[in-house]
């Protein structure tokens, strides 16, 4: 795992040898540290697998961002949480099905968070 660090960032804007300037990175999110490329890639594969709905229709990867009732996200989140919990208790929390359940948790948490951030609660 590479440690990018904030080398030489003492909270003061910096200037390179070429004269280019850059503001300090202090107190700014380091998004590349908050995600793992492995989990990001696995989640992407999960989403790709679910772009075809149960009726056989294609939906764009960002379809969920159009908005869904919060209840849909919460209901699905709990179903997948119980599945993960049960697998953990049974000692079967491994393999594709377990990974899919965890990806589904991430999806539903992300969808619910988006609804909260946008201050909307889409009607059914």
N, C-alpha and C. Protein backbone atom coordinates (compact mmCIF):
# COMPACT_ATOMS: atom_id res chain seq x y z
N UNK A 1 0.86 -1.17 0.00
CA UNK A 1 0.00 0.00 0.00
C UNK A 1 0.90 1.23 0.00
N UNK A 2 0.66 2.09 -0.97
CA UNK A 2 1.46 3.29 -1.09
C UNK A 2 1.01 4.33 -0.08
N UNK A 3 1.98 4.99 0.56
CA UNK A 3 1.68 6.06 1.50
C UNK A 3 1.95 7.38 0.79
N UNK A 4 0.88 8.03 0.35
CA UNK A 4 1.04 9.27 -0.40
C UNK A 4 1.51 10.41 0.48
N UNK A 5 1.02 10.42 1.70
CA UNK A 5 1.43 11.45 2.65
C UNK A 5 1.11 12.85 2.17
N UNK A 6 1.32 13.77 3.02
CA UNK A 6 1.21 15.18 2.68
C UNK A 6 2.59 15.79 2.87
N UNK A 7 3.51 15.22 2.10
CA UNK A 7 4.92 15.59 2.24
C UNK A 7 5.11 17.10 2.13
N UNK A 8 5.75 17.63 3.13
CA UNK A 8 6.11 19.04 3.11
C UNK A 8 4.94 19.99 3.24
N UNK A 9 3.76 19.50 3.51
CA UNK A 9 2.61 20.39 3.63
C UNK A 9 2.52 20.87 5.06
N UNK A 10 2.95 22.09 5.27
CA UNK A 10 2.95 22.67 6.61
C UNK A 10 1.80 23.65 6.79
N UNK A 11 0.81 23.57 5.87
CA UNK A 11 -0.34 24.46 5.97
C UNK A 11 -0.14 25.77 5.24
N UNK A 12 0.96 25.89 4.51
CA UNK A 12 1.26 27.12 3.78
C UNK A 12 1.30 26.79 2.29
N UNK A 13 0.76 27.69 1.46
CA UNK A 13 0.79 27.49 0.01
C UNK A 13 2.24 27.26 -0.42
N UNK A 14 2.42 26.45 -1.48
CA UNK A 14 3.76 26.10 -1.91
C UNK A 14 3.99 26.52 -3.36
N UNK A 15 5.25 26.67 -3.71
CA UNK A 15 5.66 27.03 -5.06
C UNK A 15 6.69 26.02 -5.53
N UNK A 16 6.48 25.50 -6.76
CA UNK A 16 7.43 24.54 -7.31
C UNK A 16 8.63 25.27 -7.92
N UNK A 17 9.62 24.50 -8.32
CA UNK A 17 10.82 25.09 -8.94
C UNK A 17 10.49 25.84 -10.22
N UNK A 18 9.39 25.45 -10.89
CA UNK A 18 8.99 26.11 -12.15
C UNK A 18 8.26 27.42 -11.90
N UNK A 19 7.87 27.65 -10.66
CA UNK A 19 7.11 28.85 -10.34
C UNK A 19 5.63 28.60 -10.18
N UNK A 20 5.17 27.38 -10.53
CA UNK A 20 3.76 27.05 -10.35
C UNK A 20 3.44 27.01 -8.86
N UNK A 21 2.27 27.48 -8.52
CA UNK A 21 1.88 27.51 -7.11
C UNK A 21 0.73 26.56 -6.85
N UNK A 22 0.66 26.12 -5.62
CA UNK A 22 -0.40 25.21 -5.19
C UNK A 22 -0.76 25.57 -3.76
N UNK A 23 -2.06 25.64 -3.49
CA UNK A 23 -2.51 25.92 -2.14
C UNK A 23 -2.20 24.73 -1.24
N UNK A 24 -2.25 24.93 0.02
CA UNK A 24 -2.03 23.87 0.99
C UNK A 24 -3.10 22.79 0.86
N UNK A 25 -2.75 21.57 1.20
CA UNK A 25 -3.75 20.49 1.18
C UNK A 25 -4.24 20.20 2.60
N UNK A 26 -3.78 20.99 3.56
CA UNK A 26 -4.23 20.81 4.94
C UNK A 26 -5.74 21.03 5.02
N UNK A 27 -6.41 20.20 5.81
CA UNK A 27 -7.85 20.27 6.03
C UNK A 27 -8.69 20.05 4.78
N UNK A 28 -8.13 19.32 3.81
CA UNK A 28 -8.87 18.96 2.61
C UNK A 28 -8.98 17.44 2.57
N UNK A 29 -10.13 16.93 2.16
CA UNK A 29 -10.30 15.47 2.12
C UNK A 29 -9.28 14.80 1.20
N UNK A 30 -8.80 13.65 1.62
CA UNK A 30 -7.89 12.85 0.81
C UNK A 30 -8.66 11.63 0.31
N UNK A 31 -9.48 11.85 -0.70
CA UNK A 31 -10.40 10.82 -1.17
C UNK A 31 -9.70 9.52 -1.52
N UNK A 32 -8.52 9.60 -2.08
CA UNK A 32 -7.79 8.38 -2.45
C UNK A 32 -7.42 7.52 -1.25
N UNK A 33 -7.44 8.08 -0.07
CA UNK A 33 -7.15 7.32 1.14
C UNK A 33 -8.40 6.68 1.74
N UNK A 34 -9.56 7.18 1.39
CA UNK A 34 -10.80 6.73 2.01
C UNK A 34 -11.42 5.53 1.33
N UNK A 35 -10.88 5.15 0.18
CA UNK A 35 -11.40 4.02 -0.58
C UNK A 35 -10.25 3.07 -0.89
N UNK A 36 -10.59 1.81 -1.09
CA UNK A 36 -9.62 0.82 -1.52
C UNK A 36 -9.88 0.52 -2.99
N UNK A 37 -8.84 0.49 -3.83
CA UNK A 37 -9.07 0.15 -5.24
C UNK A 37 -9.72 -1.22 -5.40
N UNK A 38 -9.40 -2.16 -4.52
CA UNK A 38 -9.99 -3.50 -4.61
C UNK A 38 -11.50 -3.46 -4.35
N UNK A 39 -11.92 -2.75 -3.32
CA UNK A 39 -13.35 -2.70 -3.02
C UNK A 39 -14.10 -1.84 -4.04
N UNK A 40 -13.46 -0.79 -4.51
CA UNK A 40 -14.05 0.08 -5.52
C UNK A 40 -14.30 -0.70 -6.80
N UNK A 41 -13.32 -1.50 -7.21
CA UNK A 41 -13.44 -2.32 -8.41
C UNK A 41 -14.51 -3.39 -8.24
N UNK A 42 -14.56 -4.03 -7.08
CA UNK A 42 -15.56 -5.08 -6.83
C UNK A 42 -16.96 -4.50 -6.83
N UNK A 43 -17.12 -3.33 -6.24
CA UNK A 43 -18.42 -2.67 -6.24
C UNK A 43 -18.84 -2.33 -7.67
N UNK A 44 -17.90 -1.88 -8.48
CA UNK A 44 -18.21 -1.58 -9.88
C UNK A 44 -18.68 -2.81 -10.64
N UNK A 45 -18.04 -3.95 -10.40
CA UNK A 45 -18.48 -5.20 -11.04
C UNK A 45 -19.88 -5.58 -10.58
N UNK A 46 -20.15 -5.39 -9.29
CA UNK A 46 -21.49 -5.66 -8.74
C UNK A 46 -22.54 -4.80 -9.45
N UNK A 47 -22.24 -3.52 -9.58
CA UNK A 47 -23.19 -2.61 -10.22
C UNK A 47 -23.41 -2.98 -11.68
N UNK A 48 -22.34 -3.35 -12.38
CA UNK A 48 -22.47 -3.76 -13.77
C UNK A 48 -23.37 -4.98 -13.90
N UNK A 49 -23.20 -5.94 -12.99
CA UNK A 49 -24.03 -7.16 -13.01
C UNK A 49 -25.51 -6.85 -12.79
N UNK A 50 -25.80 -5.73 -12.16
CA UNK A 50 -27.19 -5.39 -11.83
C UNK A 50 -27.77 -4.30 -12.72
N UNK A 51 -27.14 -4.04 -13.84
CA UNK A 51 -27.70 -3.05 -14.77
C UNK A 51 -28.84 -3.63 -15.59
N UNK A 52 -29.01 -4.93 -15.56
CA UNK A 52 -30.16 -5.56 -16.20
C UNK A 52 -31.12 -5.94 -15.07
N UNK A 53 -32.33 -5.40 -15.13
CA UNK A 53 -33.28 -5.67 -14.04
C UNK A 53 -33.94 -7.04 -14.21
N UNK A 54 -34.79 -7.39 -13.26
CA UNK A 54 -35.43 -8.72 -13.26
C UNK A 54 -36.38 -8.93 -14.44
N UNK A 55 -36.75 -7.84 -15.12
CA UNK A 55 -37.59 -7.94 -16.30
C UNK A 55 -36.75 -8.02 -17.58
N UNK A 56 -35.43 -7.97 -17.42
CA UNK A 56 -34.54 -8.03 -18.58
C UNK A 56 -34.24 -6.69 -19.21
N UNK A 57 -34.65 -5.61 -18.57
CA UNK A 57 -34.43 -4.27 -19.09
C UNK A 57 -33.09 -3.70 -18.62
N UNK A 58 -32.40 -3.01 -19.54
CA UNK A 58 -31.15 -2.34 -19.21
C UNK A 58 -31.46 -1.02 -18.50
N UNK A 59 -30.64 -0.71 -17.51
CA UNK A 59 -30.76 0.60 -16.86
C UNK A 59 -29.34 1.18 -16.73
N UNK A 60 -29.19 2.46 -16.97
CA UNK A 60 -27.87 3.09 -16.85
C UNK A 60 -27.32 2.94 -15.43
N UNK A 61 -26.01 2.94 -15.30
CA UNK A 61 -25.37 2.77 -14.00
C UNK A 61 -25.74 3.84 -12.99
N UNK A 62 -26.12 5.00 -13.47
CA UNK A 62 -26.49 6.09 -12.54
C UNK A 62 -28.00 6.24 -12.38
N UNK A 63 -28.75 5.25 -12.81
CA UNK A 63 -30.21 5.27 -12.72
C UNK A 63 -30.69 5.58 -11.31
N UNK A 64 -30.05 5.00 -10.31
CA UNK A 64 -30.46 5.17 -8.92
C UNK A 64 -30.40 6.63 -8.46
N UNK A 65 -29.57 7.43 -9.14
CA UNK A 65 -29.42 8.83 -8.73
C UNK A 65 -30.62 9.69 -9.11
N UNK A 66 -31.53 9.14 -9.93
CA UNK A 66 -32.76 9.86 -10.26
C UNK A 66 -33.64 10.00 -9.03
N UNK A 67 -33.43 9.12 -8.06
CA UNK A 67 -34.19 9.18 -6.82
C UNK A 67 -35.13 8.01 -6.65
N UNK A 68 -35.15 7.49 -5.46
CA UNK A 68 -36.03 6.39 -5.08
C UNK A 68 -36.55 6.69 -3.67
N UNK A 69 -37.69 6.12 -3.34
CA UNK A 69 -38.18 6.31 -1.97
C UNK A 69 -37.15 5.82 -0.95
N UNK A 70 -36.98 6.57 0.10
CA UNK A 70 -36.04 6.17 1.16
C UNK A 70 -36.36 4.78 1.68
N UNK A 71 -37.66 4.47 1.75
CA UNK A 71 -38.11 3.17 2.24
C UNK A 71 -37.51 2.02 1.43
N UNK A 72 -37.37 2.20 0.12
CA UNK A 72 -36.79 1.15 -0.73
C UNK A 72 -35.36 0.86 -0.31
N UNK A 73 -34.59 1.94 -0.10
CA UNK A 73 -33.19 1.77 0.31
C UNK A 73 -33.10 1.12 1.69
N UNK A 74 -33.90 1.60 2.64
CA UNK A 74 -33.86 1.07 4.00
C UNK A 74 -34.27 -0.40 4.04
N UNK A 75 -35.33 -0.75 3.36
CA UNK A 75 -35.81 -2.12 3.34
C UNK A 75 -34.75 -3.07 2.77
N UNK A 76 -34.17 -2.70 1.65
CA UNK A 76 -33.14 -3.53 1.02
C UNK A 76 -31.88 -3.58 1.89
N UNK A 77 -31.51 -2.44 2.46
CA UNK A 77 -30.33 -2.38 3.32
C UNK A 77 -30.46 -3.38 4.47
N UNK A 78 -31.63 -3.42 5.10
CA UNK A 78 -31.82 -4.34 6.23
C UNK A 78 -31.81 -5.80 5.79
N UNK A 79 -32.42 -6.10 4.63
CA UNK A 79 -32.39 -7.48 4.13
C UNK A 79 -30.96 -7.95 3.93
N UNK A 80 -30.15 -7.11 3.30
CA UNK A 80 -28.76 -7.50 3.04
C UNK A 80 -27.93 -7.50 4.32
N UNK A 81 -28.24 -6.60 5.24
CA UNK A 81 -27.55 -6.61 6.52
C UNK A 81 -27.79 -7.93 7.26
N UNK A 82 -29.05 -8.37 7.29
CA UNK A 82 -29.38 -9.63 7.95
C UNK A 82 -28.66 -10.79 7.27
N UNK A 83 -28.57 -10.75 5.93
CA UNK A 83 -27.84 -11.80 5.23
C UNK A 83 -26.37 -11.82 5.64
N UNK A 84 -25.74 -10.65 5.69
CA UNK A 84 -24.33 -10.57 6.10
C UNK A 84 -24.19 -11.05 7.54
N UNK A 85 -25.05 -10.60 8.41
CA UNK A 85 -25.02 -10.98 9.81
C UNK A 85 -25.15 -12.50 9.97
N UNK A 86 -26.13 -13.08 9.26
CA UNK A 86 -26.34 -14.53 9.33
C UNK A 86 -25.12 -15.29 8.82
N UNK A 87 -24.56 -14.84 7.72
CA UNK A 87 -23.36 -15.49 7.17
C UNK A 87 -22.19 -15.38 8.16
N UNK A 88 -22.09 -14.23 8.81
CA UNK A 88 -21.03 -14.05 9.80
C UNK A 88 -21.21 -15.05 10.94
N UNK A 89 -22.44 -15.14 11.45
CA UNK A 89 -22.74 -16.05 12.55
C UNK A 89 -22.52 -17.51 12.17
N UNK A 90 -22.83 -17.85 10.90
CA UNK A 90 -22.69 -19.22 10.42
C UNK A 90 -21.27 -19.56 9.99
N UNK A 91 -20.41 -18.56 9.93
CA UNK A 91 -19.05 -18.79 9.45
C UNK A 91 -18.97 -18.95 7.93
N UNK A 92 -19.98 -18.40 7.22
CA UNK A 92 -20.01 -18.52 5.76
C UNK A 92 -19.87 -17.16 5.07
N UNK A 93 -19.26 -16.22 5.75
CA UNK A 93 -19.09 -14.89 5.18
C UNK A 93 -17.86 -14.88 4.28
N UNK A 94 -18.00 -15.48 3.10
CA UNK A 94 -16.92 -15.53 2.12
C UNK A 94 -17.52 -15.84 0.77
N UNK A 95 -16.78 -15.60 -0.27
CA UNK A 95 -17.23 -15.92 -1.62
C UNK A 95 -18.09 -14.83 -2.25
N UNK A 96 -18.50 -15.11 -3.49
CA UNK A 96 -19.24 -14.13 -4.28
C UNK A 96 -20.55 -13.69 -3.64
N UNK A 97 -21.30 -14.62 -3.09
CA UNK A 97 -22.59 -14.26 -2.49
C UNK A 97 -22.41 -13.30 -1.31
N UNK A 98 -21.41 -13.55 -0.50
CA UNK A 98 -21.13 -12.66 0.63
C UNK A 98 -20.66 -11.30 0.13
N UNK A 99 -19.80 -11.30 -0.88
CA UNK A 99 -19.33 -10.04 -1.47
C UNK A 99 -20.50 -9.26 -2.06
N UNK A 100 -21.40 -9.97 -2.76
CA UNK A 100 -22.57 -9.30 -3.33
C UNK A 100 -23.44 -8.68 -2.24
N UNK A 101 -23.63 -9.38 -1.15
CA UNK A 101 -24.45 -8.85 -0.05
C UNK A 101 -23.81 -7.59 0.53
N UNK A 102 -22.49 -7.59 0.66
CA UNK A 102 -21.79 -6.40 1.17
C UNK A 102 -21.87 -5.25 0.17
N UNK A 103 -21.74 -5.55 -1.12
CA UNK A 103 -21.90 -4.52 -2.14
C UNK A 103 -23.31 -3.95 -2.12
N UNK A 104 -24.30 -4.80 -1.90
CA UNK A 104 -25.68 -4.33 -1.81
C UNK A 104 -25.87 -3.40 -0.61
N UNK A 105 -25.20 -3.71 0.49
CA UNK A 105 -25.24 -2.81 1.65
C UNK A 105 -24.67 -1.44 1.28
N UNK A 106 -23.52 -1.45 0.61
CA UNK A 106 -22.88 -0.19 0.20
C UNK A 106 -23.81 0.59 -0.72
N UNK A 107 -24.40 -0.11 -1.70
CA UNK A 107 -25.30 0.55 -2.64
C UNK A 107 -26.46 1.22 -1.91
N UNK A 108 -27.12 0.49 -1.04
CA UNK A 108 -28.29 1.03 -0.36
C UNK A 108 -27.92 2.14 0.61
N UNK A 109 -26.80 2.02 1.30
CA UNK A 109 -26.35 3.09 2.19
C UNK A 109 -26.04 4.34 1.38
N UNK A 110 -25.41 4.15 0.22
CA UNK A 110 -25.07 5.29 -0.64
C UNK A 110 -26.34 5.95 -1.19
N UNK A 111 -27.30 5.12 -1.60
CA UNK A 111 -28.54 5.67 -2.12
C UNK A 111 -29.31 6.45 -1.06
N UNK A 112 -29.40 5.89 0.13
CA UNK A 112 -30.09 6.58 1.22
C UNK A 112 -29.36 7.87 1.59
N UNK A 113 -28.04 7.81 1.63
CA UNK A 113 -27.26 9.02 1.93
C UNK A 113 -27.51 10.10 0.89
N UNK A 114 -27.55 9.72 -0.39
CA UNK A 114 -27.81 10.72 -1.43
C UNK A 114 -29.18 11.37 -1.23
N UNK A 115 -30.18 10.56 -0.92
CA UNK A 115 -31.52 11.13 -0.68
C UNK A 115 -31.49 12.13 0.48
N UNK A 116 -30.77 11.78 1.54
CA UNK A 116 -30.66 12.68 2.69
C UNK A 116 -29.92 13.97 2.32
N UNK A 117 -28.80 13.82 1.60
CA UNK A 117 -28.01 14.99 1.21
C UNK A 117 -28.78 15.94 0.30
N UNK A 118 -29.61 15.35 -0.57
CA UNK A 118 -30.41 16.17 -1.48
C UNK A 118 -31.70 16.67 -0.83
N UNK A 119 -31.98 16.17 0.37
CA UNK A 119 -33.18 16.59 1.09
C UNK A 119 -34.47 16.17 0.40
N UNK A 120 -34.42 15.01 -0.25
CA UNK A 120 -35.63 14.56 -0.92
C UNK A 120 -36.07 13.21 -0.38
N UNK A 121 -37.37 12.97 -0.50
CA UNK A 121 -37.94 11.67 -0.16
C UNK A 121 -38.95 11.39 -1.25
N UNK A 122 -38.50 10.71 -2.27
CA UNK A 122 -39.30 10.44 -3.46
C UNK A 122 -40.52 9.61 -3.07
N UNK A 123 -41.66 9.98 -3.61
CA UNK A 123 -42.90 9.23 -3.38
C UNK A 123 -42.88 7.97 -4.21
N UNK A 124 -43.52 6.92 -3.71
CA UNK A 124 -43.60 5.65 -4.43
C UNK A 124 -44.50 5.76 -5.62
